[in-house]
Amino acid sequence: KSKEHPFDVILVWKFSRFARNQEESIVYKAMLQKSGVEVISVSEPAIEGPFGSLVERIIEWMDEYYSIRLSGEVIRGMTEKALRGGYNSQPPMGYKMNKETGIPEIYEPEAAIVRKIITEYTDGKGFLDVARTLNTLGYRTRKGNPFEQRTVRYVLENPFYAGKIRWNRQNPSDHTIKDVSECIIVDGVHEPLITQEEYNHLQELIYARTRP
């Protein structure tokens, strides 16, 4: 949008690659046009004349509709897989996926950290104190980052360690955490790190220490 902008044309393979939806596409294209920048689709060339913009809008609407349909089908398929006890995502810290069986297996170098988290919290430390202890001992997350309060809590609240599979935990639009009643939690076939009784006890401790 600067006066001396470096580009006059933005090339995209399809108009659907330019913005997430038609509303954003119209807004951003209007802003660019005021600055003399044109958006052109390589595979969907717009026709010349008064109907060119109309055809472009129809193409964008069809792409958005297809994307919504596809997203719905993917979510439906993954939900059905989760309900059958299938694994849709990478297993959490303490496990690694067996590529031959498709079943997560305990990965001891990480599992030792998970057990340390559970032990420290059960002994009376809070989320932040547990994270500080892990960082002092030189432990790091799977991505190589220091432990934080939220990462410790995620481990303690994850039913995966009790042999369960949890699906549909976050809202896809803003990544906020859904209520437990909206999640899918079913029995998995992987080996648990803790018993269901131990997991339930952890949840009772978390509730007692963090309730308003």
Protein backbone atom coordinates (compact mmCIF):
# COMPACT_ATOMS: atom_id res chain seq x y z
CA LYS A 1 0.00 0.00 0.00
CA SER A 2 3.03 2.28 0.16
CA LYS A 3 3.35 4.95 -2.50
CA GLU A 4 6.37 3.25 -4.06
CA HIS A 5 5.23 -0.34 -3.68
CA PRO A 6 7.61 -2.95 -5.15
CA PHE A 7 4.90 -4.97 -6.96
CA ASP A 8 2.11 -4.15 -9.39
CA VAL A 9 0.66 -7.66 -9.69
CA ILE A 10 0.08 -10.54 -7.25
CA LEU A 11 -0.10 -13.92 -8.98
CA VAL A 12 -1.93 -16.79 -7.27
CA TRP A 13 -2.61 -20.28 -8.56
CA LYS A 14 -6.28 -20.01 -7.52
CA PHE A 15 -8.29 -17.18 -5.99
CA SER A 16 -8.96 -19.44 -2.99
CA ARG A 17 -5.23 -19.21 -2.15
CA PHE A 18 -5.43 -15.43 -1.74
CA ALA A 19 -7.75 -15.22 1.28
CA ARG A 20 -9.57 -17.48 3.71
CA ASN A 21 -13.03 -16.48 2.53
CA GLN A 22 -14.81 -14.29 -0.02
CA GLU A 23 -15.43 -11.47 2.45
CA GLU A 24 -11.70 -11.05 3.18
CA SER A 25 -10.88 -11.40 -0.51
CA ILE A 26 -13.18 -8.51 -1.47
CA VAL A 27 -11.77 -6.25 1.26
CA TYR A 28 -8.10 -6.93 0.51
CA LYS A 29 -8.51 -6.72 -3.26
CA ALA A 30 -10.24 -3.37 -2.89
CA MET A 31 -7.38 -2.09 -0.73
CA LEU A 32 -4.82 -3.28 -3.27
CA GLN A 33 -6.68 -1.83 -6.23
CA LYS A 34 -6.62 1.61 -4.61
CA SER A 35 -2.83 1.29 -4.57
CA GLY A 36 -2.70 0.09 -8.16
CA VAL A 37 -1.97 -3.57 -7.38
CA GLU A 38 -3.89 -6.27 -9.24
CA VAL A 39 -4.57 -9.85 -8.09
CA ILE A 40 -4.52 -12.40 -10.93
CA SER A 41 -5.30 -16.11 -10.81
CA VAL A 42 -3.14 -18.22 -13.10
CA SER A 43 -5.60 -21.11 -13.41
CA GLU A 44 -8.80 -19.03 -13.28
CA PRO A 45 -8.31 -16.06 -15.63
CA ALA A 46 -11.12 -13.53 -15.34
CA ILE A 47 -12.92 -12.53 -18.52
CA GLU A 48 -12.80 -8.96 -19.77
CA GLY A 49 -15.84 -6.72 -19.57
CA PRO A 50 -18.53 -5.91 -16.99
CA PHE A 51 -19.12 -9.58 -16.11
CA GLY A 52 -15.47 -10.23 -15.22
CA SER A 53 -15.82 -9.28 -11.53
CA LEU A 54 -19.09 -11.24 -11.30
CA VAL A 55 -17.44 -14.41 -12.63
CA GLU A 56 -14.55 -13.88 -10.21
CA ARG A 57 -16.95 -13.65 -7.26
CA ILE A 58 -18.73 -16.84 -8.37
CA ILE A 59 -15.40 -18.68 -8.60
CA GLU A 60 -14.43 -17.49 -5.12
CA TRP A 61 -17.80 -18.51 -3.69
CA MET A 62 -17.53 -21.99 -5.23
CA ASP A 63 -14.00 -22.40 -3.84
CA GLU A 64 -15.14 -21.33 -0.38
CA TYR A 65 -18.13 -23.69 -0.49
CA TYR A 66 -15.90 -26.57 -1.58
CA SER A 67 -13.44 -25.78 1.22
CA ILE A 68 -16.22 -25.79 3.83
CA ARG A 69 -17.59 -29.08 2.51
CA LEU A 70 -14.13 -30.65 2.46
CA SER A 71 -13.34 -29.45 5.97
CA GLY A 72 -16.61 -30.90 7.24
CA GLU A 73 -15.93 -34.27 5.61
CA VAL A 74 -12.40 -34.39 7.05
CA ILE A 75 -13.64 -33.58 10.56
CA ARG A 76 -16.43 -36.14 10.25
CA GLY A 77 -13.99 -38.83 9.15
CA MET A 78 -11.54 -38.04 11.95
CA THR A 79 -14.38 -38.01 14.50
CA GLU A 80 -15.57 -41.45 13.37
CA LYS A 81 -11.99 -42.72 13.56
CA ALA A 82 -11.64 -41.36 17.11
CA LEU A 83 -14.91 -42.98 18.17
CA ARG A 84 -13.54 -46.31 16.93
CA GLY A 85 -10.38 -45.85 19.01
CA GLY A 86 -8.18 -44.67 16.14
CA TYR A 87 -5.33 -42.16 16.41
CA ASN A 88 -5.72 -38.92 14.45
CA SER A 89 -2.71 -36.97 15.65
CA GLN A 90 0.83 -37.24 16.94
CA PRO A 91 0.95 -38.87 20.41
CA PRO A 92 1.91 -36.64 23.35
CA MET A 93 5.23 -36.51 25.17
CA GLY A 94 6.15 -39.94 26.50
CA TYR A 95 4.99 -41.80 23.40
CA LYS A 96 6.05 -42.28 19.80
CA MET A 97 4.04 -43.77 16.97
CA ASN A 98 4.86 -47.27 15.78
CA LYS A 99 4.71 -46.86 12.01
CA GLU A 100 4.06 -50.57 11.42
CA THR A 101 1.15 -51.02 13.82
CA GLY A 102 -0.14 -47.43 13.91
CA ILE A 103 -0.30 -47.68 17.71
CA PRO A 104 1.67 -45.32 20.00
CA GLU A 105 4.35 -46.91 22.15
CA ILE A 106 5.92 -45.67 25.37
CA TYR A 107 9.12 -43.72 24.64
CA GLU A 108 11.11 -44.01 27.83
CA PRO A 109 13.33 -40.88 27.53
CA GLU A 110 10.17 -38.74 27.46
CA ALA A 111 8.07 -41.01 29.66
CA ALA A 112 10.54 -40.42 32.50
CA ILE A 113 9.80 -36.68 32.28
CA VAL A 114 6.04 -37.32 32.37
CA ARG A 115 6.44 -39.49 35.48
CA LYS A 116 8.55 -36.75 37.07
CA ILE A 117 5.78 -34.20 36.40
CA ILE A 118 3.15 -36.47 37.96
CA THR A 119 5.30 -37.24 41.00
CA GLU A 120 6.24 -33.60 41.65
CA TYR A 121 2.63 -32.44 41.39
CA THR A 122 1.30 -35.27 43.54
CA ASP A 123 3.88 -34.38 46.20
CA GLY A 124 2.39 -30.91 46.51
CA LYS A 125 4.08 -28.63 43.98
CA GLY A 126 2.05 -26.35 41.72
CA PHE A 127 2.21 -26.14 37.93
CA LEU A 128 4.80 -23.34 37.97
CA ASP A 129 6.98 -24.98 40.60
CA VAL A 130 6.98 -28.25 38.65
CA ALA A 131 8.01 -26.38 35.50
CA ARG A 132 10.84 -24.63 37.33
CA THR A 133 12.07 -27.95 38.74
CA LEU A 134 12.12 -29.54 35.28
CA ASN A 135 13.96 -26.59 33.75
CA THR A 136 16.52 -26.59 36.58
CA LEU A 137 17.20 -30.27 35.93
CA GLY A 138 17.78 -29.49 32.26
CA TYR A 139 14.62 -31.08 30.88
CA ARG A 140 13.01 -29.59 27.79
CA THR A 141 9.81 -30.10 25.85
CA ARG A 142 9.70 -32.13 22.65
CA LYS A 143 10.32 -28.92 20.69
CA GLY A 144 13.33 -28.08 22.83
CA ASN A 145 11.64 -25.28 24.78
CA PRO A 146 11.65 -24.75 28.56
CA PHE A 147 8.64 -26.09 30.42
CA GLU A 148 5.87 -23.65 31.30
CA GLN A 149 2.92 -23.74 33.63
CA ARG A 150 0.52 -24.54 30.79
CA THR A 151 2.64 -27.41 29.40
CA VAL A 152 2.77 -29.03 32.84
CA ARG A 153 -0.99 -28.71 33.23
CA TYR A 154 -1.59 -30.16 29.75
CA VAL A 155 0.35 -33.29 30.70
CA LEU A 156 -1.48 -33.69 34.00
CA GLU A 157 -4.92 -33.29 32.42
CA ASN A 158 -4.30 -35.45 29.35
CA PRO A 159 -6.29 -38.74 29.59
CA PHE A 160 -3.97 -40.27 26.98
CA TYR A 161 -1.63 -41.30 29.81
CA ALA A 162 -4.45 -43.35 31.33
CA GLY A 163 -5.02 -45.24 28.07
CA LYS A 164 -7.68 -42.95 26.59
CA ILE A 165 -8.00 -41.08 23.28
CA ARG A 166 -9.25 -37.49 23.42
CA TRP A 167 -10.57 -35.77 20.31
CA ASN A 168 -12.40 -32.52 19.54
CA ARG A 169 -10.79 -30.68 22.47
CA GLN A 170 -10.32 -27.30 20.76
CA ASN A 171 -12.53 -25.02 18.72
CA PRO A 172 -10.96 -24.96 15.23
CA SER A 173 -11.77 -21.28 14.71
CA ASP A 174 -9.99 -19.74 17.72
CA HIS A 175 -8.28 -22.75 19.41
CA THR A 176 -10.11 -22.19 22.69
CA ILE A 177 -10.63 -25.23 24.90
CA LYS A 178 -14.09 -26.78 24.79
CA ASP A 179 -16.01 -28.05 27.79
CA VAL A 180 -15.15 -31.63 28.71
CA SER A 181 -18.70 -32.69 27.84
CA GLU A 182 -18.08 -31.73 24.19
CA CYS A 183 -14.89 -33.77 23.85
CA ILE A 184 -14.71 -37.32 22.55
CA ILE A 185 -12.92 -39.56 25.05
CA VAL A 186 -12.76 -43.27 24.26
CA ASP A 187 -10.56 -46.22 25.23
CA GLY A 188 -7.35 -46.53 23.24
CA VAL A 189 -5.27 -49.62 22.58
CA HIS A 190 -1.93 -48.11 23.66
CA GLU A 191 -0.21 -48.98 26.92
CA PRO A 192 -1.08 -46.45 29.66
CA LEU A 193 1.55 -44.75 31.80
CA ILE A 194 -0.76 -44.46 34.81
CA THR A 195 -3.92 -46.20 35.97
CA GLN A 196 -7.38 -44.66 35.66
CA GLU A 197 -7.48 -44.33 39.46
CA GLU A 198 -4.21 -42.37 39.44
CA TYR A 199 -5.51 -40.12 36.66
CA ASN A 200 -8.76 -39.47 38.53
CA HIS A 201 -6.76 -38.59 41.65
CA LEU A 202 -4.72 -36.07 39.64
CA GLN A 203 -7.89 -34.40 38.36
CA GLU A 204 -9.22 -34.16 41.91
CA LEU A 205 -5.99 -32.49 43.04
CA ILE A 206 -6.09 -30.03 40.13
CA TYR A 207 -9.69 -29.12 40.88
CA ALA A 208 -9.01 -28.68 44.59
CA ARG A 209 -5.95 -26.47 43.99
CA THR A 210 -7.25 -24.31 41.15
CA ARG A 211 -10.97 -23.85 41.86
CA PRO A 212 -12.08 -20.22 42.44
